[in-house]
Amino acid sequence: MKTNDLVIEIESTFNELVDRISSLNENEINTVPFEGSWTAGQLARHLIISGSKFVELLNGPVKETEREPDALVENFRAFLLDFSTKMTAQDIVTPEKKDYKKDYLLTSLENIKEGMKQVIVKYDLTKTMALELPVLGALTRLEAVHFVSLHTQRHVHQLKDICLVLDKKSPE
């Protein structure tokens, strides 16, 4: 995938996320839509925690890559976009159970989107990030950018379900 295509994908994915969060009022953002679900605010906070960490890592030290720089992308696509599979977030990226402010969520998500776009145009994405991630291991910048995009797409899908339930709960 070309640099411009990656920027467009990140822009599109985060814009859809921001649009969905924007469509909710503060009460809806903090309403548990169904048993076992995060609120929309918690979902956004999860993406903020993980996304901001990725932006930080992507701007950090790298080393030469000893394999195809996109070797893990299709694996990420397969498991992150398999919406029938339930996943549990690691504690480090699990959002707090509290009420979230809509403006904070939107500003933070916009900052991550801009940070990701800057990484894409500024750096050599074929390099491997020096720090290995729990579960994921050593990722190239290219794989990390795809992971953030696909991970966000997965949660946009979940957010659509949350919005449908909240819409049904709204007084008519």
Foldseek 3Di string as FASTA:
>chain_A
DDLVVLLVLLVVLLVLLLVLLVVDDQVQQQDALDPPDHRVVQLLQLLLQVLVVLLVLLPDDWAADDDAQCVCLVVLLVPLVPLVDDDDDDPSSGGDNDRDDSVVSSVSSVVSSVSLSCSSVPDDQSTWRPDADPPRGIHGNVSSSSNSSSNSNSSSVVSVVSVVSVVVVDDD
